[in-house]
Amino acid sequence: MNKKVIYELKGIYRDSFRVTGYEYGEGEKSVCIIGNMRGNEVQQIYCCSQLVRKFKQLESEGRINKGHKVLIIPSANPYSVNIQKRFWPSDNTDINRMFPGYNMGETTQRIADGIFKEIAGYKYGIQFTSFYMPGNFMPHVRMMDEGFSKAEIAKKFGLPYVVVRKVRPYDTATLNYNWQVWDTQAFSLYTSTTSRIDQNGAGKAVLSVMNFLSVQGILKYNVPQLIEPEVIEDTDMISVRTAESGIYEPLVNAGQTVTIGQPLANILNPYEGEIMETLYAPVASKVFFIHNEPLTYANTAVIKLVKNHK
């Protein structure tokens, strides 16, 4: 293992900002795995930390195939993690909206540039990331429909779903998109939580990466019989929206199968405690995403469902 500083930004009043990477194996740039870019992505750091620990073992046992280099970067934004702020502390910008970066630009542009210079050129790129809304997901792989990545390859992670989403204008400044511009097959892994550690969800995420790298010939690892993932478009998901603002009371969990008409959540009056609204399942489906904060606004998609096809 080679532990090295990927990028460093000198601090004036505090310790320097450092992005640390862990290299394993030798040879071609086979896969780069990156964890959090936002300060609240604790689960994403945890998943990478478990991979760092696992790869130490694999390397010592000679189970990384010759000719392959693996780079793991647990955190790209340790400053924000330290103060538990989602975006860059001083100007509230998102590093994952600054790629490929600019070394003469704003701070987050310089960070993105420094990181991207190190991680461009890998055959595969895996990013542990989070949704723009707070909530719990079914673990899945997400990829863009225009680019270098292929859904058939994404299936090799062995997770229940591969979600293909259309590229939007703001995506052109994300790591995933720019990886693909430089011919890296990029995949985003969504685990069950973001700001809290879910060991079971992290275990599934780590195993999915091990499955993928074994199938690609990078690791010597006995892959179990994988399930056949369902490939869905993000537009196929059914959003259940609120009509009222108030205290949010979920009645189901991510991954749960629900029947048509089943109550999914209540919206309570925050002063009087009365139920102002109950959200119901419009079709027989599976809960793919569910909001997990105690308050919600009106006209918010607090639940996303995947219609049952099997």
Protein backbone atom coordinates (compact mmCIF):
# COMPACT_ATOMS: atom_id res chain seq x y z
CA MET A 1 0.00 0.00 0.00
CA ASN A 2 1.17 3.49 -0.83
CA LYS A 3 -0.48 6.25 1.20
CA LYS A 4 -0.02 9.65 -0.42
CA VAL A 5 -1.39 13.19 -0.48
CA ILE A 6 -3.38 13.62 -3.68
CA TYR A 7 -3.84 17.37 -3.27
CA GLU A 8 -2.82 19.92 -0.64
CA LEU A 9 -3.99 23.49 -0.08
CA LYS A 10 -1.94 25.49 2.40
CA GLY A 11 -3.96 26.90 5.29
CA ILE A 12 -3.40 30.38 6.72
CA TYR A 13 -4.94 30.04 10.17
CA ARG A 14 -5.30 26.28 10.51
CA ASP A 15 -3.78 23.03 9.29
CA SER A 16 -3.49 22.55 5.54
CA PHE A 17 -6.32 21.01 3.52
CA ARG A 18 -5.19 17.58 2.33
CA VAL A 19 -6.85 14.95 0.17
CA THR A 20 -5.32 11.55 0.94
CA GLY A 21 -5.26 8.53 -1.35
CA TYR A 22 -4.34 4.86 -0.90
CA GLU A 23 -2.75 3.03 -3.82
CA TYR A 24 -2.65 -0.74 -4.21
CA GLY A 25 -1.02 -2.90 -6.87
CA GLU A 26 1.07 -1.83 -9.83
CA GLY A 27 0.48 -1.32 -13.51
CA GLU A 28 -2.27 0.33 -15.52
CA LYS A 29 -4.75 2.69 -13.85
CA SER A 30 -7.55 0.16 -13.41
CA VAL A 31 -9.99 1.64 -10.90
CA CYS A 32 -10.32 4.76 -8.77
CA ILE A 33 -12.80 4.75 -5.88
CA ILE A 34 -13.70 8.06 -4.27
CA GLY A 35 -15.81 8.75 -1.18
CA ASN A 36 -17.36 11.95 0.10
CA MET A 37 -17.25 15.36 -1.54
CA ARG A 38 -19.83 16.80 0.84
CA GLY A 39 -19.37 17.26 4.55
CA ASN A 40 -22.41 15.23 5.59
CA GLU A 41 -21.48 12.14 3.53
CA VAL A 42 -20.29 10.15 6.52
CA GLN A 43 -21.56 6.79 5.22
CA GLN A 44 -19.58 7.35 2.02
CA ILE A 45 -16.33 7.86 3.96
CA TYR A 46 -17.11 4.79 6.04
CA CYS A 47 -17.62 2.63 2.95
CA CYS A 48 -14.26 3.73 1.56
CA SER A 49 -12.55 3.14 4.92
CA GLN A 50 -13.79 -0.44 4.88
CA LEU A 51 -12.44 -0.85 1.35
CA VAL A 52 -9.05 0.55 2.45
CA ARG A 53 -8.97 -2.02 5.24
CA LYS A 54 -10.04 -4.84 2.89
CA PHE A 55 -7.51 -3.95 0.21
CA LYS A 56 -4.67 -4.03 2.75
CA GLN A 57 -5.63 -7.65 3.36
CA LEU A 58 -6.05 -8.47 -0.34
CA GLU A 59 -2.68 -6.97 -1.22
CA SER A 60 -0.90 -8.87 1.57
CA GLU A 61 -2.50 -12.10 0.32
CA GLY A 62 -1.49 -11.44 -3.30
CA ARG A 63 -5.11 -11.24 -4.47
CA ILE A 64 -4.73 -8.08 -6.57
CA ASN A 65 -3.96 -9.33 -10.07
CA LYS A 66 -0.71 -8.19 -11.63
CA GLY A 67 -0.82 -5.21 -13.92
CA HIS A 68 -3.61 -3.41 -12.05
CA LYS A 69 -3.45 -0.31 -9.87
CA VAL A 70 -6.28 0.64 -7.52
CA LEU A 71 -6.65 4.10 -5.93
CA ILE A 72 -9.03 4.76 -3.03
CA ILE A 73 -9.73 8.33 -1.83
CA PRO A 74 -12.00 8.20 1.27
CA SER A 75 -12.68 11.96 1.45
CA ALA A 76 -12.32 14.85 -0.98
CA ASN A 77 -13.65 17.43 1.49
CA PRO A 78 -12.28 16.88 5.02
CA TYR A 79 -12.75 20.57 5.99
CA SER A 80 -16.53 20.35 5.60
CA VAL A 81 -16.61 17.00 7.42
CA ASN A 82 -14.80 18.55 10.38
CA ILE A 83 -17.53 21.15 10.91
CA GLN A 84 -20.40 18.97 9.63
CA LYS A 85 -21.35 21.35 6.82
CA ARG A 86 -22.51 19.83 3.53
CA PHE A 87 -20.77 22.28 1.18
CA TRP A 88 -17.51 24.24 1.23
CA PRO A 89 -17.50 26.24 4.51
CA SER A 90 -16.56 29.71 3.27
CA ASP A 91 -18.76 30.12 0.19
CA ASN A 92 -21.19 27.16 0.29
CA THR A 93 -20.09 25.81 -3.11
CA ASP A 94 -20.23 22.14 -4.07
CA ILE A 95 -16.94 20.52 -5.13
CA ASN A 96 -18.92 18.03 -7.22
CA ARG A 97 -20.16 20.93 -9.38
CA MET A 98 -16.64 22.18 -10.15
CA PHE A 99 -15.06 19.51 -12.38
CA PRO A 100 -12.80 19.26 -14.26
CA GLY A 101 -11.63 22.22 -12.20
CA TYR A 102 -9.48 25.29 -12.81
CA ASN A 103 -6.16 25.82 -11.04
CA MET A 104 -6.49 29.63 -11.12
CA GLY A 105 -10.14 29.75 -10.06
CA GLU A 106 -12.09 29.72 -6.82
CA THR A 107 -11.02 27.41 -3.99
CA THR A 108 -13.35 24.55 -4.88
CA GLN A 109 -12.36 24.83 -8.56
CA ARG A 110 -8.71 24.46 -7.55
CA ILE A 111 -9.50 21.45 -5.35
CA ALA A 112 -11.44 19.80 -8.20
CA ASP A 113 -8.56 20.49 -10.59
CA GLY A 114 -5.97 19.04 -8.21
CA ILE A 115 -8.01 15.89 -7.62
CA PHE A 116 -8.95 15.38 -11.25
CA LYS A 117 -5.35 15.57 -12.46
CA GLU A 118 -4.64 12.54 -10.25
CA ILE A 119 -7.74 10.46 -10.98
CA ALA A 120 -8.18 11.04 -14.73
CA GLY A 121 -7.12 8.15 -16.96
CA TYR A 122 -8.45 5.27 -14.85
CA LYS A 123 -10.41 2.61 -16.73
CA TYR A 124 -13.18 2.54 -14.12
CA GLY A 125 -14.32 5.23 -11.70
CA ILE A 126 -16.57 4.49 -8.73
CA GLN A 127 -17.98 7.33 -6.65
CA PHE A 128 -19.88 6.93 -3.39
CA THR A 129 -22.27 9.85 -3.44
CA SER A 130 -25.56 11.14 -2.04
CA PHE A 131 -28.87 12.55 -3.24
CA TYR A 132 -29.66 16.27 -3.20
CA MET A 133 -32.55 15.54 -0.81
CA PRO A 134 -32.03 13.96 2.64
CA GLY A 135 -33.34 10.42 2.79
CA ASN A 136 -32.70 6.68 2.66
CA PHE A 137 -32.25 4.70 -0.56
CA MET A 138 -32.31 1.15 -1.67
CA PRO A 139 -28.62 0.50 -2.53
CA HIS A 140 -28.14 0.89 -6.28
CA VAL A 141 -25.80 1.92 -9.09
CA ARG A 142 -26.57 5.11 -10.98
CA MET A 143 -25.17 6.18 -14.34
CA MET A 144 -25.83 8.73 -17.07
CA ASP A 145 -27.43 7.76 -20.37
CA GLU A 146 -24.98 9.74 -22.53
CA GLY A 147 -21.40 8.74 -22.06
CA PHE A 148 -18.79 6.03 -21.90
CA SER A 149 -20.48 3.84 -19.26
CA LYS A 150 -22.68 0.84 -20.06
CA ALA A 151 -25.63 -0.56 -18.13
CA GLU A 152 -24.50 -4.13 -18.81
CA ILE A 153 -21.23 -3.41 -17.03
CA ALA A 154 -23.05 -1.67 -14.15
CA LYS A 155 -24.99 -4.90 -13.57
CA LYS A 156 -21.75 -6.57 -12.44
CA PHE A 157 -21.94 -4.79 -9.09
CA GLY A 158 -24.73 -7.22 -8.22
CA LEU A 159 -27.03 -4.61 -6.65
CA PRO A 160 -30.82 -4.88 -7.16
CA TYR A 161 -31.12 -1.82 -9.43
CA VAL A 162 -29.18 0.06 -12.08
CA VAL A 163 -30.69 3.52 -12.54
CA VAL A 164 -30.02 5.29 -15.84
CA ARG A 165 -30.64 9.02 -15.74
CA LYS A 166 -30.71 11.64 -18.46
CA VAL A 167 -27.89 14.19 -18.50
CA ARG A 168 -28.96 17.63 -17.33
CA PRO A 169 -27.00 20.87 -17.94
CA TYR A 170 -25.58 20.99 -14.40
CA ASP A 171 -24.23 17.44 -14.77
CA THR A 172 -21.48 18.68 -17.09
CA ALA A 173 -19.57 19.98 -14.04
CA THR A 174 -19.80 16.73 -12.02
CA LEU A 175 -17.03 14.19 -11.50
CA ASN A 176 -19.06 11.38 -13.09
CA TYR A 177 -19.61 13.30 -16.34
CA ASN A 178 -16.01 14.52 -16.64
CA TRP A 179 -14.60 11.09 -15.90
CA GLN A 180 -16.50 9.88 -18.96
CA VAL A 181 -15.23 12.76 -21.11
CA TRP A 182 -11.74 11.39 -20.42
CA ASP A 183 -12.82 7.82 -21.30
CA THR A 184 -13.34 6.49 -17.77
CA GLN A 185 -16.37 4.26 -17.26
CA ALA A 186 -17.93 6.01 -14.27
CA PHE A 187 -20.53 4.69 -11.85
CA SER A 188 -22.16 6.31 -8.81
CA LEU A 189 -22.95 4.04 -5.87
CA TYR A 190 -25.80 5.02 -3.59
CA THR A 191 -25.85 3.25 -0.26
CA SER A 192 -28.71 3.29 2.25
CA THR A 193 -27.81 6.40 4.29
CA THR A 194 -25.72 9.57 4.15
CA SER A 195 -25.14 11.38 7.46
CA ARG A 196 -25.43 8.25 9.62
CA ILE A 197 -23.46 5.02 9.43
CA ASP A 198 -25.38 1.91 8.39
CA GLN A 199 -22.97 -1.00 8.76
CA ASN A 200 -25.23 -3.43 6.93
CA GLY A 201 -25.66 -1.04 3.99
CA ALA A 202 -21.91 -0.36 3.93
CA GLY A 203 -21.23 -4.10 3.90
CA LYS A 204 -23.44 -4.51 0.83
CA ALA A 205 -21.68 -1.61 -0.88
CA VAL A 206 -18.20 -3.05 -0.17
CA LEU A 207 -19.26 -6.47 -1.46
CA SER A 208 -20.70 -4.90 -4.60
CA VAL A 209 -17.34 -3.26 -5.36
CA MET A 210 -15.54 -6.55 -4.71
CA ASN A 211 -17.95 -8.34 -7.05
CA PHE A 212 -17.40 -5.76 -9.78
CA LEU A 213 -13.60 -5.77 -9.57
CA SER A 214 -13.48 -9.56 -9.54
CA VAL A 215 -15.63 -9.82 -12.67
CA GLN A 216 -13.36 -7.25 -14.36
CA GLY A 217 -10.30 -9.38 -13.56
CA ILE A 218 -8.75 -6.91 -11.12
CA LEU A 219 -9.18 -9.04 -7.97
CA LYS A 220 -8.98 -12.71 -7.11
CA TYR A 221 -12.23 -13.04 -5.24
CA ASN A 222 -14.95 -15.69 -5.24
CA VAL A 223 -18.04 -13.93 -6.50
CA PRO A 224 -21.32 -15.38 -5.22
CA GLN A 225 -24.20 -16.05 -7.57
CA LEU A 226 -25.29 -12.52 -8.41
CA ILE A 227 -28.89 -11.45 -8.72
CA GLU A 228 -30.01 -10.11 -12.08
CA PRO A 229 -30.40 -6.35 -11.50
CA GLU A 230 -33.32 -4.44 -12.89
CA VAL A 231 -32.34 -1.55 -15.18
CA ILE A 232 -34.71 1.39 -14.81
CA GLU A 233 -34.83 4.98 -16.02
CA ASP A 234 -34.99 7.65 -13.34
CA THR A 235 -38.11 8.97 -15.07
CA ASP A 236 -39.82 5.62 -14.44
CA MET A 237 -39.90 6.26 -10.70
CA ILE A 238 -43.19 7.35 -9.18
CA SER A 239 -42.86 10.42 -6.95
CA VAL A 240 -45.24 10.78 -4.01
CA ARG A 241 -45.50 14.47 -3.15
CA THR A 242 -46.81 16.36 -0.15
CA ALA A 243 -49.59 18.92 -0.36
CA GLU A 244 -48.94 20.32 3.12
CA SER A 245 -45.92 21.47 5.12
CA GLY A 246 -45.41 20.09 8.60
CA ILE A 247 -43.93 17.33 10.73
CA TYR A 248 -43.14 14.31 8.60
CA GLU A 249 -44.04 10.86 9.98
CA PRO A 250 -42.92 7.97 7.73
CA LEU A 251 -44.86 4.72 7.95
CA VAL A 252 -42.67 2.55 5.68
CA ASN A 253 -38.95 1.99 5.04
CA ALA A 254 -36.72 1.99 1.97
CA GLY A 255 -36.83 -1.40 0.27
CA GLN A 256 -40.28 -2.26 1.60
CA THR A 257 -42.90 -3.66 -0.78
CA VAL A 258 -46.21 -1.81 -0.56
CA THR A 259 -49.68 -2.45 -1.96
CA ILE A 260 -51.93 -0.01 -3.77
CA GLY A 261 -53.61 2.31 -1.28
CA GLN A 262 -51.21 1.51 1.57
CA PRO A 263 -50.43 4.50 3.85
CA LEU A 264 -46.83 5.65 3.36
CA ALA A 265 -46.50 8.73 5.58
CA ASN A 266 -48.42 11.30 7.60
CA ILE A 267 -47.94 15.06 7.66
CA LEU A 268 -48.77 16.48 11.09
CA ASN A 269 -49.68 19.99 12.19
CA PRO A 270 -46.57 21.06 14.16
CA TYR A 271 -48.58 23.04 16.74
CA GLU A 272 -51.70 20.93 17.17
CA GLY A 273 -50.49 17.42 16.34
CA GLU A 274 -53.39 16.63 14.03
CA ILE A 275 -52.86 14.67 10.82
CA MET A 276 -53.23 17.17 7.99
CA GLU A 277 -52.43 14.70 5.22
CA THR A 278 -51.78 11.00 4.67
CA LEU A 279 -49.78 9.87 1.65
CA TYR A 280 -50.86 6.61 -0.01
CA ALA A 281 -49.19 4.28 -2.50
CA PRO A 282 -50.77 4.89 -5.93
CA VAL A 283 -49.67 1.46 -7.23
CA ALA A 284 -48.25 -1.82 -5.97
CA SER A 285 -44.54 -1.04 -5.79
CA LYS A 286 -41.31 -0.98 -3.82
CA VAL A 287 -40.10 2.01 -1.78
CA PHE A 288 -36.91 3.12 -3.53
CA PHE A 289 -36.31 6.39 -1.66
CA ILE A 290 -37.86 7.91 1.44
CA HIS A 291 -37.30 11.29 3.09
CA ASN A 292 -35.79 10.95 6.57
CA GLU A 293 -35.89 14.45 8.08
CA PRO A 294 -38.53 15.39 10.70
CA LEU A 295 -39.93 18.33 8.72
CA THR A 296 -41.07 18.70 5.12
CA TYR A 297 -42.32 21.41 2.78
CA ALA A 298 -45.40 21.35 0.61
CA ASN A 299 -45.10 19.95 -2.94
CA THR A 300 -42.01 17.90 -2.06
CA ALA A 301 -41.29 14.42 -3.45
CA VAL A 302 -40.71 12.73 -0.08
CA ILE A 303 -41.05 9.18 -1.45
CA LYS A 304 -40.04 7.57 -4.74
CA LEU A 305 -41.51 4.21 -5.75
CA VAL A 306 -40.52 1.61 -8.31
CA LYS A 307 -43.46 -0.21 -9.80
CA ASN A 308 -43.41 -3.97 -9.38
CA HIS A 309 -42.63 -5.74 -12.66
CA LYS A 310 -42.05 -9.26 -11.35
